[in-house]
Amino acid sequence: MSGRPPYRVLIVEDHQVVAEGLAALLNEHPELRVVALASSVGEVEHLSDVERVDVALCDFWLPDGTGAEAVAALRAHQPDAAIVFLSADQSDQVILTALEAGAAGYLVKSAGGADVAEAVRRAVDGEILVPARQLAKLLSRRRENARRSQEHARRLDSLTPRERQILALMTEGMDNRDIARELSISYTTVRSHVRHLLSKLGARSKLEAVVRAADWDAPSIGA
């Protein structure tokens, strides 16, 4: 690294003690220099057009948005800035969102100081810090979730308007007799509709149908 100015680092972290600790940690490395701290998306928007940075070390959850939004604000002015996320959230969706935002790496907050500094340094050098095997697993899970979502939507779309109406009433806790009175149809007709909608949803009971429908598409069940 001799002969080259230190990499300029922006830390985006809303907990001041954590941010200051990270700054002290990174400043121990002569090839790194923390030039700015931001605690929100709004602060990144303000800083990004006045403070040049080579890399941002960013938490994912911020008071006024997400790290992905902070990254977008930074890259609107500095498209070449490298990004490393440091967060306590290890969920697949959050990690994928971070990677889609352009992150070179994603570390959990239990990572050691040396690992954080190394990740920041390597990100500026253009390296991808997510192991290929982990990335493959994340993408595989996303494809499977997308497939399931499509299947769930297909099942709900297969319901007739009356079946959707009955399902909506079921989610309100009505039994077959209550539904019959509410819709002014016979109890036998309700039972027939319920059997059909259970079959279409692949549910073995009314409770399972209600739970599945609520998980899949609660706002539009009764549409």
C-alpha atoms as a PDB file:
ATOM      1  CA  MET A   1       0.000   0.000   0.000  1.00  0.00           C
ATOM      2  CA  SER A   2       3.045   2.350   0.149  1.00  0.00           C
ATOM      3  CA  GLY A   3       2.851   5.335  -2.156  1.00  0.00           C
ATOM      4  CA  ARG A   4      -0.945   5.297  -2.200  1.00  0.00           C
ATOM      5  CA  PRO A   5      -3.229   7.475  -0.054  1.00  0.00           C
ATOM      6  CA  PRO A   6      -5.351   5.517   2.448  1.00  0.00           C
ATOM      7  CA  TYR A   7      -8.725   4.238   1.329  1.00  0.00           C
ATOM      8  CA  ARG A   8     -11.388   6.724   2.421  1.00  0.00           C
ATOM      9  CA  VAL A   9     -14.138   5.045   4.450  1.00  0.00           C
ATOM     10  CA  LEU A  10     -17.705   6.127   5.232  1.00  0.00           C
ATOM     11  CA  ILE A  11     -19.378   4.378   8.179  1.00  0.00           C
ATOM     12  CA  VAL A  12     -23.180   4.281   8.116  1.00  0.00           C
ATOM     13  CA  GLU A  13     -24.377   3.193  11.558  1.00  0.00           C
ATOM     14  CA  ASP A  14     -27.097   4.690  13.746  1.00  0.00           C
ATOM     15  CA  HIS A  15     -25.637   3.609  17.095  1.00  0.00           C
ATOM     16  CA  GLN A  16     -23.015   6.219  17.921  1.00  0.00           C
ATOM     17  CA  VAL A  17     -20.940   3.991  20.193  1.00  0.00           C
ATOM     18  CA  VAL A  18     -20.778   1.283  17.522  1.00  0.00           C
ATOM     19  CA  ALA A  19     -19.916   3.810  14.805  1.00  0.00           C
ATOM     20  CA  GLU A  20     -17.147   5.365  16.857  1.00  0.00           C
ATOM     21  CA  GLY A  21     -15.780   1.932  17.777  1.00  0.00           C
ATOM     22  CA  LEU A  22     -15.682   0.914  14.125  1.00  0.00           C
ATOM     23  CA  ALA A  23     -13.961   4.170  13.213  1.00  0.00           C
ATOM     24  CA  ALA A  24     -11.303   3.615  15.865  1.00  0.00           C
ATOM     25  CA  LEU A  25     -10.836   0.043  14.684  1.00  0.00           C
ATOM     26  CA  LEU A  26     -10.431   0.910  11.011  1.00  0.00           C
ATOM     27  CA  ASN A  27      -8.204   3.907  11.690  1.00  0.00           C
ATOM     28  CA  GLU A  28      -5.709   1.552  13.312  1.00  0.00           C
ATOM     29  CA  HIS A  29      -4.934   0.298   9.814  1.00  0.00           C
ATOM     30  CA  PRO A  30      -2.700   2.722   7.899  1.00  0.00           C
ATOM     31  CA  GLU A  31      -4.277   1.795   4.568  1.00  0.00           C
ATOM     32  CA  LEU A  32      -7.736   2.857   5.809  1.00  0.00           C
ATOM     33  CA  ARG A  33      -9.013   6.225   6.974  1.00  0.00           C
ATOM     34  CA  VAL A  34     -12.544   6.942   8.174  1.00  0.00           C
ATOM     35  CA  VAL A  35     -13.536  10.297   6.718  1.00  0.00           C
ATOM     36  CA  ALA A  36     -17.204  10.473   7.672  1.00  0.00           C
ATOM     37  CA  LEU A  37     -19.904   8.963   9.853  1.00  0.00           C
ATOM     38  CA  ALA A  38     -23.608   8.880   8.974  1.00  0.00           C
ATOM     39  CA  SER A  39     -26.471   7.611  11.086  1.00  0.00           C
ATOM     40  CA  SER A  40     -29.307   7.671   8.537  1.00  0.00           C
ATOM     41  CA  VAL A  41     -30.192   7.591   4.857  1.00  0.00           C
ATOM     42  CA  GLY A  42     -30.745  11.337   5.017  1.00  0.00           C
ATOM     43  CA  GLU A  43     -27.234  11.960   6.318  1.00  0.00           C
ATOM     44  CA  VAL A  44     -25.768   9.802   3.545  1.00  0.00           C
ATOM     45  CA  GLU A  45     -27.676  11.857   0.981  1.00  0.00           C
ATOM     46  CA  HIS A  46     -26.160  15.013   2.459  1.00  0.00           C
ATOM     47  CA  LEU A  47     -22.623  13.649   2.677  1.00  0.00           C
ATOM     48  CA  SER A  48     -22.403  11.724  -0.561  1.00  0.00           C
ATOM     49  CA  ASP A  49     -22.111  14.756  -2.827  1.00  0.00           C
ATOM     50  CA  VAL A  50     -19.527  16.564  -0.679  1.00  0.00           C
ATOM     51  CA  GLU A  51     -17.319  13.850   0.832  1.00  0.00           C
ATOM     52  CA  ARG A  52     -15.480  11.507  -1.518  1.00  0.00           C
ATOM     53  CA  VAL A  53     -15.276   7.935  -0.238  1.00  0.00           C
ATOM     54  CA  ASP A  54     -13.775   4.742  -1.611  1.00  0.00           C
ATOM     55  CA  VAL A  55     -15.870   2.369   0.481  1.00  0.00           C
ATOM     56  CA  ALA A  56     -18.897   2.475   2.760  1.00  0.00           C
ATOM     57  CA  LEU A  57     -19.329   0.165   5.743  1.00  0.00           C
ATOM     58  CA  CYS A  58     -23.069   0.155   6.241  1.00  0.00           C
ATOM     59  CA  ASP A  59     -25.615  -1.237   8.680  1.00  0.00           C
ATOM     60  CA  PHE A  60     -28.758  -2.548   6.990  1.00  0.00           C
ATOM     61  CA  TRP A  61     -31.496  -1.162   9.240  1.00  0.00           C
ATOM     62  CA  LEU A  62     -31.423   2.603   9.720  1.00  0.00           C
ATOM     63  CA  PRO A  63     -33.884   4.949  11.441  1.00  0.00           C
ATOM     64  CA  ASP A  64     -35.270   6.373   8.199  1.00  0.00           C
ATOM     65  CA  GLY A  65     -34.848   3.441   5.824  1.00  0.00           C
ATOM     66  CA  THR A  66     -32.479   0.664   4.879  1.00  0.00           C
ATOM     67  CA  GLY A  67     -28.843   0.362   4.052  1.00  0.00           C
ATOM     68  CA  ALA A  68     -29.874  -0.418   0.484  1.00  0.00           C
ATOM     69  CA  GLU A  69     -31.470   3.025   0.263  1.00  0.00           C
ATOM     70  CA  ALA A  70     -28.363   4.587   1.784  1.00  0.00           C
ATOM     71  CA  VAL A  71     -26.243   2.838  -0.838  1.00  0.00           C
ATOM     72  CA  ALA A  72     -28.494   4.164  -3.611  1.00  0.00           C
ATOM     73  CA  ALA A  73     -28.093   7.678  -2.227  1.00  0.00           C
ATOM     74  CA  LEU A  74     -24.314   7.308  -2.098  1.00  0.00           C
ATOM     75  CA  ARG A  75     -23.964   5.811  -5.543  1.00  0.00           C
ATOM     76  CA  ALA A  76     -26.120   8.502  -7.114  1.00  0.00           C
ATOM     77  CA  HIS A  77     -23.062  10.738  -6.654  1.00  0.00           C
ATOM     78  CA  GLN A  78     -20.272   8.175  -6.276  1.00  0.00           C
ATOM     79  CA  PRO A  79     -21.094   5.158  -8.456  1.00  0.00           C
ATOM     80  CA  ASP A  80     -17.689   3.542  -7.956  1.00  0.00           C
ATOM     81  CA  ALA A  81     -17.799   3.425  -4.156  1.00  0.00           C
ATOM     82  CA  ALA A  82     -17.434  -0.108  -2.802  1.00  0.00           C
ATOM     83  CA  ILE A  83     -20.002  -1.341  -0.281  1.00  0.00           C
ATOM     84  CA  VAL A  84     -19.724  -3.696   2.679  1.00  0.00           C
ATOM     85  CA  PHE A  85     -22.701  -4.357   4.944  1.00  0.00           C
ATOM     86  CA  LEU A  86     -22.256  -5.030   8.656  1.00  0.00           C
ATOM     87  CA  SER A  87     -25.530  -6.025  10.293  1.00  0.00           C
ATOM     88  CA  ALA A  88     -27.047  -8.238  12.972  1.00  0.00           C
ATOM     89  CA  ASP A  89     -29.739  -9.392  10.522  1.00  0.00           C
ATOM     90  CA  GLN A  90     -28.769 -12.678   8.866  1.00  0.00           C
ATOM     91  CA  SER A  91     -32.032 -13.346   6.997  1.00  0.00           C
ATOM     92  CA  ASP A  92     -31.796 -14.498   3.393  1.00  0.00           C
ATOM     93  CA  GLN A  93     -33.985 -11.678   2.109  1.00  0.00           C
ATOM     94  CA  VAL A  94     -31.913  -8.959   3.754  1.00  0.00           C
ATOM     95  CA  ILE A  95     -28.633 -10.429   2.511  1.00  0.00           C
ATOM     96  CA  LEU A  96     -29.996 -10.736  -1.029  1.00  0.00           C
ATOM     97  CA  THR A  97     -31.308  -7.172  -0.902  1.00  0.00           C
ATOM     98  CA  ALA A  98     -27.869  -5.990   0.197  1.00  0.00           C
ATOM     99  CA  LEU A  99     -26.186  -7.868  -2.635  1.00  0.00           C
ATOM    100  CA  GLU A 100     -28.684  -6.518  -5.159  1.00  0.00           C
ATOM    101  CA  ALA A 101     -27.838  -3.027  -3.885  1.00  0.00           C
ATOM    102  CA  GLY A 102     -24.279  -3.672  -5.018  1.00  0.00           C
ATOM    103  CA  ALA A 103     -22.593  -4.892  -1.851  1.00  0.00           C
ATOM    104  CA  ALA A 104     -19.287  -6.675  -2.249  1.00  0.00           C
ATOM    105  CA  GLY A 105     -19.765  -8.391   1.091  1.00  0.00           C
ATOM    106  CA  TYR A 106     -22.094  -8.907   4.014  1.00  0.00           C
ATOM    107  CA  LEU A 107     -20.748  -9.428   7.537  1.00  0.00           C
ATOM    108  CA  VAL A 108     -22.611 -10.057  10.781  1.00  0.00           C
ATOM    109  CA  LYS A 109     -21.856  -7.827  13.737  1.00  0.00           C
ATOM    110  CA  SER A 110     -20.253 -10.693  15.613  1.00  0.00           C
ATOM    111  CA  ALA A 111     -17.383 -10.599  13.089  1.00  0.00           C
ATOM    112  CA  GLY A 112     -13.932  -9.881  14.480  1.00  0.00           C
ATOM    113  CA  GLY A 113     -12.265  -6.525  13.988  1.00  0.00           C
ATOM    114  CA  ALA A 114      -9.587  -7.960  11.735  1.00  0.00           C
ATOM    115  CA  ASP A 115     -12.273  -9.544   9.530  1.00  0.00           C
ATOM    116  CA  VAL A 116     -14.108  -6.225   9.189  1.00  0.00           C
ATOM    117  CA  ALA A 117     -10.965  -4.352   8.229  1.00  0.00           C
ATOM    118  CA  GLU A 118      -9.964  -7.061   5.759  1.00  0.00           C
ATOM    119  CA  ALA A 119     -13.443  -7.023   4.188  1.00  0.00           C
ATOM    120  CA  VAL A 120     -13.323  -3.250   3.735  1.00  0.00           C
ATOM    121  CA  ARG A 121      -9.862  -3.418   2.175  1.00  0.00           C
ATOM    122  CA  ARG A 122     -10.730  -6.280  -0.173  1.00  0.00           C
ATOM    123  CA  ALA A 123     -14.020  -4.670  -1.241  1.00  0.00           C
ATOM    124  CA  VAL A 124     -12.164  -1.603  -2.504  1.00  0.00           C
ATOM    125  CA  ASP A 125      -9.894  -3.919  -4.448  1.00  0.00           C
ATOM    126  CA  GLY A 126     -12.974  -5.230  -6.259  1.00  0.00           C
ATOM    127  CA  GLU A 127     -13.294  -8.612  -4.586  1.00  0.00           C
ATOM    128  CA  ILE A 128     -16.629 -10.340  -3.916  1.00  0.00           C
ATOM    129  CA  LEU A 129     -16.639 -11.435  -0.289  1.00  0.00           C
ATOM    130  CA  VAL A 130     -19.679 -13.720  -0.277  1.00  0.00           C
ATOM    131  CA  PRO A 131     -18.562 -17.343  -0.721  1.00  0.00           C
ATOM    132  CA  ALA A 132     -19.837 -18.845  -3.975  1.00  0.00           C
ATOM    133  CA  ARG A 133     -21.478 -21.734  -2.114  1.00  0.00           C
ATOM    134  CA  GLN A 134     -23.412 -19.391   0.185  1.00  0.00           C
ATOM    135  CA  LEU A 135     -24.473 -17.220  -2.739  1.00  0.00           C
ATOM    136  CA  ALA A 136     -25.673 -20.286  -4.658  1.00  0.00           C
ATOM    137  CA  LYS A 137     -27.751 -21.389  -1.667  1.00  0.00           C
ATOM    138  CA  LEU A 138     -29.300 -17.938  -1.301  1.00  0.00           C
ATOM    139  CA  LEU A 139     -30.244 -17.795  -4.965  1.00  0.00           C
ATOM    140  CA  SER A 140     -31.616 -21.339  -4.844  1.00  0.00           C
ATOM    141  CA  ARG A 141     -33.831 -20.437  -1.870  1.00  0.00           C
ATOM    142  CA  ARG A 142     -35.037 -17.328  -3.669  1.00  0.00           C
ATOM    143  CA  ARG A 143     -35.980 -19.343  -6.763  1.00  0.00           C
ATOM    144  CA  GLU A 144     -37.835 -21.864  -4.590  1.00  0.00           C
ATOM    145  CA  ASN A 145     -39.690 -19.099  -2.743  1.00  0.00           C
ATOM    146  CA  ALA A 146     -40.645 -17.511  -6.056  1.00  0.00           C
ATOM    147  CA  ARG A 147     -41.917 -20.860  -7.323  1.00  0.00           C
ATOM    148  CA  ARG A 148     -43.991 -21.341  -4.191  1.00  0.00           C
ATOM    149  CA  SER A 149     -45.393 -17.824  -4.435  1.00  0.00           C
ATOM    150  CA  GLN A 150     -46.482 -18.496  -8.006  1.00  0.00           C
ATOM    151  CA  GLU A 151     -48.112 -21.757  -6.939  1.00  0.00           C
ATOM    152  CA  HIS A 152     -49.910 -20.045  -4.063  1.00  0.00           C
ATOM    153  CA  ALA A 153     -51.172 -17.304  -6.381  1.00  0.00           C
ATOM    154  CA  ARG A 154     -52.333 -19.923  -8.874  1.00  0.00           C
ATOM    155  CA  ARG A 155     -54.307 -21.754  -6.192  1.00  0.00           C
ATOM    156  CA  LEU A 156     -55.973 -18.581  -4.932  1.00  0.00           C
ATOM    157  CA  ASP A 157     -56.763 -17.483  -8.483  1.00  0.00           C
ATOM    158  CA  SER A 158     -58.486 -20.819  -9.081  1.00  0.00           C
ATOM    159  CA  LEU A 159     -61.181 -19.967  -6.524  1.00  0.00           C
ATOM    160  CA  THR A 160     -64.520 -18.740  -7.788  1.00  0.00           C
ATOM    161  CA  PRO A 161     -65.799 -15.364  -6.540  1.00  0.00           C
ATOM    162  CA  ARG A 162     -68.190 -17.171  -4.180  1.00  0.00           C
ATOM    163  CA  GLU A 163     -65.418 -19.396  -2.839  1.00  0.00           C
ATOM    164  CA  ARG A 164     -63.230 -16.359  -2.208  1.00  0.00           C
ATOM    165  CA  GLN A 165     -66.118 -14.676  -0.456  1.00  0.00           C
ATOM    166  CA  ILE A 166     -66.635 -17.702   1.791  1.00  0.00           C
ATOM    167  CA  LEU A 167     -62.918 -17.958   2.482  1.00  0.00           C
ATOM    168  CA  ALA A 168     -62.864 -14.295   3.514  1.00  0.00           C
ATOM    169  CA  LEU A 169     -65.699 -14.945   5.968  1.00  0.00           C
ATOM    170  CA  MET A 170     -63.872 -18.002   7.283  1.00  0.00           C
ATOM    171  CA  THR A 171     -60.865 -15.796   8.061  1.00  0.00           C
ATOM    172  CA  GLU A 172     -63.209 -13.652  10.176  1.00  0.00           C
ATOM    173  CA  GLY A 173     -63.994 -16.697  12.312  1.00  0.00           C
ATOM    174  CA  MET A 174     -67.407 -17.556  10.907  1.00  0.00           C
ATOM    175  CA  ASP A 175     -68.521 -21.183  10.823  1.00  0.00           C
ATOM    176  CA  ASN A 176     -70.615 -22.707   8.036  1.00  0.00           C
ATOM    177  CA  ARG A 177     -73.950 -21.765   9.594  1.00  0.00           C
ATOM    178  CA  ASP A 178     -72.859 -18.163  10.161  1.00  0.00           C
ATOM    179  CA  ILE A 179     -71.674 -17.964   6.557  1.00  0.00           C
ATOM    180  CA  ALA A 180     -74.968 -19.393   5.298  1.00  0.00           C
ATOM    181  CA  ARG A 181     -76.891 -16.707   7.186  1.00  0.00           C
ATOM    182  CA  GLU A 182     -74.526 -13.953   6.094  1.00  0.00           C
ATOM    183  CA  LEU A 183     -74.816 -14.876   2.403  1.00  0.00           C
ATOM    184  CA  SER A 184     -78.464 -15.987   2.527  1.00  0.00           C
ATOM    185  CA  ILE A 185     -77.634 -19.396   1.074  1.00  0.00           C
ATOM    186  CA  SER A 186     -78.202 -22.887   2.421  1.00  0.00           C
ATOM    187  CA  TYR A 187     -75.905 -24.607   4.875  1.00  0.00           C
ATOM    188  CA  THR A 188     -75.496 -27.471   2.380  1.00  0.00           C
ATOM    189  CA  THR A 189     -74.377 -25.035  -0.316  1.00  0.00           C
ATOM    190  CA  VAL A 190     -71.782 -23.549   2.020  1.00  0.00           C
ATOM    191  CA  ARG A 191     -70.439 -27.012   2.850  1.00  0.00           C
ATOM    192  CA  SER A 192     -70.121 -27.774  -0.845  1.00  0.00           C
ATOM    193  CA  HIS A 193     -68.208 -24.535  -1.498  1.00  0.00           C
ATOM    194  CA  VAL A 194     -65.941 -25.208   1.479  1.00  0.00           C
ATOM    195  CA  ARG A 195     -65.089 -28.711   0.206  1.00  0.00           C
ATOM    196  CA  HIS A 196     -64.213 -27.294  -3.189  1.00  0.00           C
ATOM    197  CA  LEU A 197     -62.040 -24.474  -1.878  1.00  0.00           C
ATOM    198  CA  LEU A 198     -60.196 -26.841   0.487  1.00  0.00           C
ATOM    199  CA  SER A 199     -59.388 -29.066  -2.464  1.00  0.00           C
ATOM    200  CA  LYS A 200     -58.191 -26.137  -4.580  1.00  0.00           C
ATOM    201  CA  LEU A 201     -55.963 -24.821  -1.799  1.00  0.00           C
ATOM    202  CA  GLY A 202     -54.582 -28.261  -0.978  1.00  0.00           C
ATOM    203  CA  ALA A 203     -55.786 -27.871   2.626  1.00  0.00           C
ATOM    204  CA  ARG A 204     -56.988 -30.680   4.875  1.00  0.00           C
ATOM    205  CA  SER A 205     -59.113 -28.517   7.161  1.00  0.00           C
ATOM    206  CA  LYS A 206     -60.801 -25.140   7.284  1.00  0.00           C
ATOM    207  CA  LEU A 207     -58.204 -23.929   9.774  1.00  0.00           C
ATOM    208  CA  GLU A 208     -55.387 -24.900   7.432  1.00  0.00           C
ATOM    209  CA  ALA A 209     -57.133 -23.126   4.560  1.00  0.00           C
ATOM    210  CA  VAL A 210     -57.501 -19.963   6.614  1.00  0.00           C
ATOM    211  CA  VAL A 211     -53.872 -20.037   7.726  1.00  0.00           C
ATOM    212  CA  ARG A 212     -52.606 -20.662   4.198  1.00  0.00           C
ATOM    213  CA  ALA A 213     -54.767 -17.949   2.704  1.00  0.00           C
ATOM    214  CA  ALA A 214     -53.693 -15.447   5.368  1.00  0.00           C
ATOM    215  CA  ASP A 215     -50.022 -16.255   4.761  1.00  0.00           C
ATOM    216  CA  TRP A 216     -50.338 -16.158   0.994  1.00  0.00           C
ATOM    217  CA  ASP A 217     -52.500 -13.228   0.093  1.00  0.00           C
ATOM    218  CA  ALA A 218     -54.480 -11.879   3.024  1.00  0.00           C
ATOM    219  CA  PRO A 219     -55.382  -8.430   1.574  1.00  0.00           C
ATOM    220  CA  SER A 220     -57.023  -9.813  -1.567  1.00  0.00           C
ATOM    221  CA  ILE A 221     -58.812 -12.934  -0.308  1.00  0.00           C
ATOM    222  CA  GLY A 222     -62.175 -11.293  -0.493  1.00  0.00           C
ATOM    223  CA  ALA A 223     -61.466  -9.346  -3.683  1.00  0.00           C
END
